[in-house]
mmCIF file of all heavy atoms, coordinates in Angstrom:
data_MODEL
# 
_entry.id   MODEL 
# 
loop_
_atom_site.group_PDB 
_atom_site.id 
_atom_site.type_symbol 
_atom_site.label_atom_id 
_atom_site.label_alt_id 
_atom_site.label_comp_id 
_atom_site.label_asym_id 
_atom_site.label_entity_id 
_atom_site.label_seq_id 
_atom_site.pdbx_PDB_ins_code 
_atom_site.Cartn_x 
_atom_site.Cartn_y 
_atom_site.Cartn_z 
_atom_site.occupancy 
_atom_site.B_iso_or_equiv 
_atom_site.pdbx_formal_charge 
_atom_site.auth_seq_id 
_atom_site.auth_comp_id 
_atom_site.auth_asym_id 
_atom_site.auth_atom_id 
_atom_site.pdbx_PDB_model_num 
ATOM 1   N N   . GLY A 1 1  ? 208.015 244.600 151.164 1.00 0.00 ? 1  GLY A N   1 
ATOM 2   C CA  . GLY A 1 1  ? 207.061 244.435 150.076 1.00 0.00 ? 1  GLY A CA  1 
ATOM 3   C C   . GLY A 1 1  ? 205.643 244.639 150.556 1.00 0.00 ? 1  GLY A C   1 
ATOM 4   O O   . GLY A 1 1  ? 205.406 245.362 151.529 1.00 0.00 ? 1  GLY A O   1 
ATOM 5   N N   . PRO A 1 2  ? 204.674 244.001 149.924 1.00 0.00 ? 2  PRO A N   1 
ATOM 6   C CA  . PRO A 1 2  ? 203.280 244.146 150.339 1.00 0.00 ? 2  PRO A CA  1 
ATOM 7   C C   . PRO A 1 2  ? 203.078 243.716 151.789 1.00 0.00 ? 2  PRO A C   1 
ATOM 8   O O   . PRO A 1 2  ? 203.729 242.774 152.266 1.00 0.00 ? 2  PRO A O   1 
ATOM 9   C CB  . PRO A 1 2  ? 202.536 243.208 149.377 1.00 0.00 ? 2  PRO A CB  1 
ATOM 10  C CG  . PRO A 1 2  ? 203.430 243.094 148.185 1.00 0.00 ? 2  PRO A CG  1 
ATOM 11  C CD  . PRO A 1 2  ? 204.830 243.169 148.721 1.00 0.00 ? 2  PRO A CD  1 
ATOM 12  N N   . VAL A 1 3  ? 202.172 244.411 152.479 1.00 0.00 ? 3  VAL A N   1 
ATOM 13  C CA  . VAL A 1 3  ? 201.949 244.140 153.900 1.00 0.00 ? 3  VAL A CA  1 
ATOM 14  C C   . VAL A 1 3  ? 201.543 242.688 154.127 1.00 0.00 ? 3  VAL A C   1 
ATOM 15  O O   . VAL A 1 3  ? 202.001 242.053 155.087 1.00 0.00 ? 3  VAL A O   1 
ATOM 16  C CB  . VAL A 1 3  ? 200.885 245.106 154.457 1.00 0.00 ? 3  VAL A CB  1 
ATOM 17  C CG1 . VAL A 1 3  ? 200.489 244.714 155.883 1.00 0.00 ? 3  VAL A CG1 1 
ATOM 18  C CG2 . VAL A 1 3  ? 201.405 246.541 154.436 1.00 0.00 ? 3  VAL A CG2 1 
ATOM 19  N N   . ALA A 1 4  ? 200.705 242.131 153.260 1.00 0.00 ? 4  ALA A N   1 
ATOM 20  C CA  . ALA A 1 4  ? 200.247 240.748 153.444 1.00 0.00 ? 4  ALA A CA  1 
ATOM 21  C C   . ALA A 1 4  ? 201.419 239.775 153.404 1.00 0.00 ? 4  ALA A C   1 
ATOM 22  O O   . ALA A 1 4  ? 201.473 238.813 154.184 1.00 0.00 ? 4  ALA A O   1 
ATOM 23  C CB  . ALA A 1 4  ? 199.218 240.384 152.374 1.00 0.00 ? 4  ALA A CB  1 
ATOM 24  N N   . LEU A 1 5  ? 202.360 240.001 152.490 1.00 0.00 ? 5  LEU A N   1 
ATOM 25  C CA  . LEU A 1 5  ? 203.536 239.141 152.411 1.00 0.00 ? 5  LEU A CA  1 
ATOM 26  C C   . LEU A 1 5  ? 204.386 239.281 153.665 1.00 0.00 ? 5  LEU A C   1 
ATOM 27  O O   . LEU A 1 5  ? 204.814 238.277 154.258 1.00 0.00 ? 5  LEU A O   1 
ATOM 28  C CB  . LEU A 1 5  ? 204.369 239.498 151.175 1.00 0.00 ? 5  LEU A CB  1 
ATOM 29  C CG  . LEU A 1 5  ? 205.733 238.798 151.063 1.00 0.00 ? 5  LEU A CG  1 
ATOM 30  C CD1 . LEU A 1 5  ? 205.555 237.301 150.897 1.00 0.00 ? 5  LEU A CD1 1 
ATOM 31  C CD2 . LEU A 1 5  ? 206.551 239.379 149.912 1.00 0.00 ? 5  LEU A CD2 1 
ATOM 32  N N   . MET A 1 6  ? 204.637 240.505 154.092 1.00 0.00 ? 6  MET A N   1 
ATOM 33  C CA  . MET A 1 6  ? 205.459 240.713 155.282 1.00 0.00 ? 6  MET A CA  1 
ATOM 34  C C   . MET A 1 6  ? 204.814 240.105 156.513 1.00 0.00 ? 6  MET A C   1 
ATOM 35  O O   . MET A 1 6  ? 205.488 239.509 157.354 1.00 0.00 ? 6  MET A O   1 
ATOM 36  C CB  . MET A 1 6  ? 205.717 242.206 155.484 1.00 0.00 ? 6  MET A CB  1 
ATOM 37  C CG  . MET A 1 6  ? 206.592 242.825 154.405 1.00 0.00 ? 6  MET A CG  1 
ATOM 38  S SD  . MET A 1 6  ? 207.156 244.484 154.845 1.00 0.00 ? 6  MET A SD  1 
ATOM 39  C CE  . MET A 1 6  ? 205.579 245.329 154.990 1.00 0.00 ? 6  MET A CE  1 
ATOM 40  N N   . ASP A 1 7  ? 203.489 240.237 156.629 1.00 0.00 ? 7  ASP A N   1 
ATOM 41  C CA  . ASP A 1 7  ? 202.785 239.635 157.764 1.00 0.00 ? 7  ASP A CA  1 
ATOM 42  C C   . ASP A 1 7  ? 202.940 238.117 157.752 1.00 0.00 ? 7  ASP A C   1 
ATOM 43  O O   . ASP A 1 7  ? 203.141 237.492 158.802 1.00 0.00 ? 7  ASP A O   1 
ATOM 44  C CB  . ASP A 1 7  ? 201.301 240.002 157.723 1.00 0.00 ? 7  ASP A CB  1 
ATOM 45  C CG  . ASP A 1 7  ? 201.036 241.452 158.118 1.00 0.00 ? 7  ASP A CG  1 
ATOM 46  O OD1 . ASP A 1 7  ? 201.953 242.095 158.658 1.00 0.00 ? 7  ASP A OD1 1 
ATOM 47  O OD2 . ASP A 1 7  ? 199.909 241.929 157.885 1.00 0.00 ? 7  ASP A OD2 1 
ATOM 48  N N   . ALA A 1 8  ? 202.835 237.508 156.569 1.00 0.00 ? 8  ALA A N   1 
ATOM 49  C CA  . ALA A 1 8  ? 202.960 236.055 156.462 1.00 0.00 ? 8  ALA A CA  1 
ATOM 50  C C   . ALA A 1 8  ? 204.368 235.597 156.835 1.00 0.00 ? 8  ALA A C   1 
ATOM 51  O O   . ALA A 1 8  ? 204.550 234.590 157.525 1.00 0.00 ? 8  ALA A O   1 
ATOM 52  C CB  . ALA A 1 8  ? 202.613 235.599 155.044 1.00 0.00 ? 8  ALA A CB  1 
ATOM 53  N N   . VAL A 1 9  ? 205.372 236.341 156.382 1.00 0.00 ? 9  VAL A N   1 
ATOM 54  C CA  . VAL A 1 9  ? 206.759 236.004 156.715 1.00 0.00 ? 9  VAL A CA  1 
ATOM 55  C C   . VAL A 1 9  ? 206.993 236.153 158.216 1.00 0.00 ? 9  VAL A C   1 
ATOM 56  O O   . VAL A 1 9  ? 207.603 235.288 158.857 1.00 0.00 ? 9  VAL A O   1 
ATOM 57  C CB  . VAL A 1 9  ? 207.738 236.892 155.921 1.00 0.00 ? 9  VAL A CB  1 
ATOM 58  C CG1 . VAL A 1 9  ? 209.165 236.721 156.428 1.00 0.00 ? 9  VAL A CG1 1 
ATOM 59  C CG2 . VAL A 1 9  ? 207.656 236.573 154.439 1.00 0.00 ? 9  VAL A CG2 1 
ATOM 60  N N   . GLU A 1 10 ? 206.498 237.251 158.774 1.00 0.00 ? 10 GLU A N   1 
ATOM 61  C CA  . GLU A 1 10 ? 206.684 237.494 160.204 1.00 0.00 ? 10 GLU A CA  1 
ATOM 62  C C   . GLU A 1 10 ? 205.994 236.417 161.036 1.00 0.00 ? 10 GLU A C   1 
ATOM 63  O O   . GLU A 1 10 ? 206.555 235.907 162.014 1.00 0.00 ? 10 GLU A O   1 
ATOM 64  C CB  . GLU A 1 10 ? 206.142 238.875 160.569 1.00 0.00 ? 10 GLU A CB  1 
ATOM 65  C CG  . GLU A 1 10 ? 206.463 239.313 161.976 1.00 0.00 ? 10 GLU A CG  1 
ATOM 66  C CD  . GLU A 1 10 ? 206.117 240.778 162.230 1.00 0.00 ? 10 GLU A CD  1 
ATOM 67  O OE1 . GLU A 1 10 ? 205.865 241.508 161.258 1.00 0.00 ? 10 GLU A OE1 1 
ATOM 68  O OE2 . GLU A 1 10 ? 206.114 241.175 163.401 1.00 0.00 ? 10 GLU A OE2 1 
ATOM 69  N N   . GLU A 1 11 ? 204.781 236.038 160.657 1.00 0.00 ? 11 GLU A N   1 
ATOM 70  C CA  . GLU A 1 11 ? 204.058 234.993 161.389 1.00 0.00 ? 11 GLU A CA  1 
ATOM 71  C C   . GLU A 1 11 ? 204.801 233.660 161.309 1.00 0.00 ? 11 GLU A C   1 
ATOM 72  O O   . GLU A 1 11 ? 204.948 232.954 162.316 1.00 0.00 ? 11 GLU A O   1 
ATOM 73  C CB  . GLU A 1 11 ? 202.646 234.829 160.818 1.00 0.00 ? 11 GLU A CB  1 
ATOM 74  C CG  . GLU A 1 11 ? 201.823 233.764 161.524 1.00 0.00 ? 11 GLU A CG  1 
ATOM 75  C CD  . GLU A 1 11 ? 200.445 233.587 160.912 1.00 0.00 ? 11 GLU A CD  1 
ATOM 76  O OE1 . GLU A 1 11 ? 200.150 234.246 159.890 1.00 0.00 ? 11 GLU A OE1 1 
ATOM 77  O OE2 . GLU A 1 11 ? 199.667 232.782 161.446 1.00 0.00 ? 11 GLU A OE2 1 
ATOM 78  N N   . SER A 1 12 ? 205.301 233.310 160.120 1.00 0.00 ? 12 SER A N   1 
ATOM 79  C CA  . SER A 1 12 ? 206.039 232.055 159.951 1.00 0.00 ? 12 SER A CA  1 
ATOM 80  C C   . SER A 1 12 ? 207.328 232.063 160.766 1.00 0.00 ? 12 SER A C   1 
ATOM 81  O O   . SER A 1 12 ? 207.723 231.038 161.338 1.00 0.00 ? 12 SER A O   1 
ATOM 82  C CB  . SER A 1 12 ? 206.362 231.819 158.475 1.00 0.00 ? 12 SER A CB  1 
ATOM 83  O OG  . SER A 1 12 ? 205.185 231.619 157.721 1.00 0.00 ? 12 SER A OG  1 
ATOM 84  N N   . ALA A 1 13 ? 207.988 233.217 160.826 1.00 0.00 ? 13 ALA A N   1 
ATOM 85  C CA  . ALA A 1 13 ? 209.223 233.325 161.600 1.00 0.00 ? 13 ALA A CA  1 
ATOM 86  C C   . ALA A 1 13 ? 208.957 233.103 163.083 1.00 0.00 ? 13 ALA A C   1 
ATOM 87  O O   . ALA A 1 13 ? 209.722 232.406 163.773 1.00 0.00 ? 13 ALA A O   1 
ATOM 88  C CB  . ALA A 1 13 ? 209.870 234.686 161.366 1.00 0.00 ? 13 ALA A CB  1 
ATOM 89  N N   . ARG A 1 14 ? 207.874 233.671 163.572 1.00 0.00 ? 14 ARG A N   1 
ATOM 90  C CA  . ARG A 1 14 ? 207.547 233.497 164.989 1.00 0.00 ? 14 ARG A CA  1 
ATOM 91  C C   . ARG A 1 14 ? 207.145 232.047 165.278 1.00 0.00 ? 14 ARG A C   1 
ATOM 92  O O   . ARG A 1 14 ? 207.523 231.483 166.311 1.00 0.00 ? 14 ARG A O   1 
ATOM 93  C CB  . ARG A 1 14 ? 206.429 234.456 165.384 1.00 0.00 ? 14 ARG A CB  1 
ATOM 94  C CG  . ARG A 1 14 ? 206.873 235.911 165.435 1.00 0.00 ? 14 ARG A CG  1 
ATOM 95  C CD  . ARG A 1 14 ? 205.972 236.748 166.323 1.00 0.00 ? 14 ARG A CD  1 
ATOM 96  N NE  . ARG A 1 14 ? 206.521 238.080 166.509 1.00 0.00 ? 14 ARG A NE  1 
ATOM 97  C CZ  . ARG A 1 14 ? 206.149 239.149 165.823 1.00 0.00 ? 14 ARG A CZ  1 
ATOM 98  N NH1 . ARG A 1 14 ? 205.217 239.034 164.889 1.00 0.00 ? 14 ARG A NH1 1 
ATOM 99  N NH2 . ARG A 1 14 ? 206.700 240.324 166.048 1.00 0.00 ? 14 ARG A NH2 1 
ATOM 100 N N   . LEU A 1 15 ? 206.372 231.447 164.375 1.00 0.00 ? 15 LEU A N   1 
ATOM 101 C CA  . LEU A 1 15 ? 205.977 230.045 164.553 1.00 0.00 ? 15 LEU A CA  1 
ATOM 102 C C   . LEU A 1 15 ? 207.194 229.124 164.518 1.00 0.00 ? 15 LEU A C   1 
ATOM 103 O O   . LEU A 1 15 ? 207.199 228.064 165.172 1.00 0.00 ? 15 LEU A O   1 
ATOM 104 C CB  . LEU A 1 15 ? 204.975 229.632 163.472 1.00 0.00 ? 15 LEU A CB  1 
ATOM 105 C CG  . LEU A 1 15 ? 203.579 230.233 163.589 1.00 0.00 ? 15 LEU A CG  1 
ATOM 106 C CD1 . LEU A 1 15 ? 202.719 229.869 162.379 1.00 0.00 ? 15 LEU A CD1 1 
ATOM 107 C CD2 . LEU A 1 15 ? 202.892 229.762 164.880 1.00 0.00 ? 15 LEU A CD2 1 
ATOM 108 N N   . ALA A 1 16 ? 208.216 229.526 163.763 1.00 0.00 ? 16 ALA A N   1 
ATOM 109 C CA  . ALA A 1 16 ? 209.442 228.734 163.699 1.00 0.00 ? 16 ALA A CA  1 
ATOM 110 C C   . ALA A 1 16 ? 210.280 228.872 164.966 1.00 0.00 ? 16 ALA A C   1 
ATOM 111 O O   . ALA A 1 16 ? 211.235 228.118 165.168 1.00 0.00 ? 16 ALA A O   1 
ATOM 112 C CB  . ALA A 1 16 ? 210.270 229.146 162.487 1.00 0.00 ? 16 ALA A CB  1 
ATOM 113 N N   . GLY A 1 17 ? 209.909 229.852 165.813 1.00 0.00 ? 17 GLY A N   1 
ATOM 114 C CA  . GLY A 1 17 ? 210.609 230.035 167.081 1.00 0.00 ? 17 GLY A CA  1 
ATOM 115 C C   . GLY A 1 17 ? 211.636 231.135 167.096 1.00 0.00 ? 17 GLY A C   1 
ATOM 116 O O   . GLY A 1 17 ? 212.418 231.262 168.042 1.00 0.00 ? 17 GLY A O   1 
ATOM 117 N N   . LEU A 1 18 ? 211.644 231.979 166.047 1.00 0.00 ? 18 LEU A N   1 
ATOM 118 C CA  . LEU A 1 18 ? 212.608 233.078 166.018 1.00 0.00 ? 18 LEU A CA  1 
ATOM 119 C C   . LEU A 1 18 ? 212.169 234.207 166.938 1.00 0.00 ? 18 LEU A C   1 
ATOM 120 O O   . LEU A 1 18 ? 210.994 234.588 166.942 1.00 0.00 ? 18 LEU A O   1 
ATOM 121 C CB  . LEU A 1 18 ? 212.762 233.618 164.597 1.00 0.00 ? 18 LEU A CB  1 
ATOM 122 C CG  . LEU A 1 18 ? 213.620 232.814 163.621 1.00 0.00 ? 18 LEU A CG  1 
ATOM 123 C CD1 . LEU A 1 18 ? 213.585 233.480 162.250 1.00 0.00 ? 18 LEU A CD1 1 
ATOM 124 C CD2 . LEU A 1 18 ? 215.045 232.699 164.102 1.00 0.00 ? 18 LEU A CD2 1 
ATOM 125 N N   . PRO A 1 19 ? 213.086 234.792 167.689 1.00 0.00 ? 19 PRO A N   1 
ATOM 126 C CA  . PRO A 1 19 ? 212.736 235.952 168.524 1.00 0.00 ? 19 PRO A CA  1 
ATOM 127 C C   . PRO A 1 19 ? 212.544 237.192 167.659 1.00 0.00 ? 19 PRO A C   1 
ATOM 128 O O   . PRO A 1 19 ? 213.055 237.271 166.537 1.00 0.00 ? 19 PRO A O   1 
ATOM 129 C CB  . PRO A 1 19 ? 213.955 236.097 169.441 1.00 0.00 ? 19 PRO A CB  1 
ATOM 130 C CG  . PRO A 1 19 ? 215.083 235.500 168.671 1.00 0.00 ? 19 PRO A CG  1 
ATOM 131 C CD  . PRO A 1 19 ? 214.488 234.371 167.869 1.00 0.00 ? 19 PRO A CD  1 
ATOM 132 N N   . ASP A 1 20 ? 211.830 238.168 168.201 1.00 0.00 ? 20 ASP A N   1 
ATOM 133 C CA  . ASP A 1 20 ? 211.546 239.400 167.452 1.00 0.00 ? 20 ASP A CA  1 
ATOM 134 C C   . ASP A 1 20 ? 212.820 240.106 166.998 1.00 0.00 ? 20 ASP A C   1 
ATOM 135 O O   . ASP A 1 20 ? 212.830 240.758 165.947 1.00 0.00 ? 20 ASP A O   1 
ATOM 136 C CB  . ASP A 1 20 ? 210.715 240.363 168.309 1.00 0.00 ? 20 ASP A CB  1 
ATOM 137 C CG  . ASP A 1 20 ? 209.273 239.893 168.449 1.00 0.00 ? 20 ASP A CG  1 
ATOM 138 O OD1 . ASP A 1 20 ? 208.883 238.928 167.760 1.00 0.00 ? 20 ASP A OD1 1 
ATOM 139 O OD2 . ASP A 1 20 ? 208.537 240.484 169.259 1.00 0.00 ? 20 ASP A OD2 1 
ATOM 140 N N   . ALA A 1 21 ? 213.897 239.973 167.786 1.00 0.00 ? 21 ALA A N   1 
ATOM 141 C CA  . ALA A 1 21 ? 215.141 240.669 167.450 1.00 0.00 ? 21 ALA A CA  1 
ATOM 142 C C   . ALA A 1 21 ? 215.761 240.158 166.156 1.00 0.00 ? 21 ALA A C   1 
ATOM 143 O O   . ALA A 1 21 ? 216.637 240.818 165.585 1.00 0.00 ? 21 ALA A O   1 
ATOM 144 C CB  . ALA A 1 21 ? 216.148 240.521 168.590 1.00 0.00 ? 21 ALA A CB  1 
ATOM 145 N N   . GLN A 1 22 ? 215.310 238.991 165.670 1.00 0.00 ? 22 GLN A N   1 
ATOM 146 C CA  . GLN A 1 22 ? 215.855 238.427 164.439 1.00 0.00 ? 22 GLN A CA  1 
ATOM 147 C C   . GLN A 1 22 ? 214.880 238.552 163.265 1.00 0.00 ? 22 GLN A C   1 
ATOM 148 O O   . GLN A 1 22 ? 215.120 237.980 162.202 1.00 0.00 ? 22 GLN A O   1 
ATOM 149 C CB  . GLN A 1 22 ? 216.230 236.956 164.659 1.00 0.00 ? 22 GLN A CB  1 
ATOM 150 C CG  . GLN A 1 22 ? 217.442 236.778 165.565 1.00 0.00 ? 22 GLN A CG  1 
ATOM 151 C CD  . GLN A 1 22 ? 217.722 235.341 165.929 1.00 0.00 ? 22 GLN A CD  1 
ATOM 152 O OE1 . GLN A 1 22 ? 217.963 235.024 167.092 1.00 0.00 ? 22 GLN A OE1 1 
ATOM 153 N NE2 . GLN A 1 22 ? 217.705 234.448 164.961 1.00 0.00 ? 22 GLN A NE2 1 
ATOM 154 N N   . ILE A 1 23 ? 213.805 239.328 163.452 1.00 0.00 ? 23 ILE A N   1 
ATOM 155 C CA  . ILE A 1 23 ? 212.806 239.528 162.400 1.00 0.00 ? 23 ILE A CA  1 
ATOM 156 C C   . ILE A 1 23 ? 212.774 241.013 162.054 1.00 0.00 ? 23 ILE A C   1 
ATOM 157 O O   . ILE A 1 23 ? 212.516 241.856 162.910 1.00 0.00 ? 23 ILE A O   1 
ATOM 158 C CB  . ILE A 1 23 ? 211.412 239.061 162.852 1.00 0.00 ? 23 ILE A CB  1 
ATOM 159 C CG1 . ILE A 1 23 ? 211.469 237.614 163.337 1.00 0.00 ? 23 ILE A CG1 1 
ATOM 160 C CG2 . ILE A 1 23 ? 210.401 239.202 161.710 1.00 0.00 ? 23 ILE A CG2 1 
ATOM 161 C CD1 . ILE A 1 23 ? 210.188 237.156 164.019 1.00 0.00 ? 23 ILE A CD1 1 
ATOM 162 N N   . HIS A 1 24 ? 213.042 241.338 160.797 1.00 0.00 ? 24 HIS A N   1 
ATOM 163 C CA  . HIS A 1 24 ? 213.150 242.736 160.375 1.00 0.00 ? 24 HIS A CA  1 
ATOM 164 C C   . HIS A 1 24 ? 212.260 242.957 159.153 1.00 0.00 ? 24 HIS A C   1 
ATOM 165 O O   . HIS A 1 24 ? 212.211 242.126 158.252 1.00 0.00 ? 24 HIS A O   1 
ATOM 166 C CB  . HIS A 1 24 ? 214.600 243.077 160.016 1.00 0.00 ? 24 HIS A CB  1 
ATOM 167 C CG  . HIS A 1 24 ? 215.603 242.555 161.000 1.00 0.00 ? 24 HIS A CG  1 
ATOM 168 N ND1 . HIS A 1 24 ? 216.006 243.269 162.102 1.00 0.00 ? 24 HIS A ND1 1 
ATOM 169 C CD2 . HIS A 1 24 ? 216.276 241.367 161.055 1.00 0.00 ? 24 HIS A CD2 1 
ATOM 170 C CE1 . HIS A 1 24 ? 216.891 242.562 162.787 1.00 0.00 ? 24 HIS A CE1 1 
ATOM 171 N NE2 . HIS A 1 24 ? 217.073 241.397 162.173 1.00 0.00 ? 24 HIS A NE2 1 
# 
């Protein structure tokens, strides 16, 4: 979707401790 939404999701995923391999 919109870049701002994807950036927010990606940042939250990393803060939650998810590795990059689990973020798409």
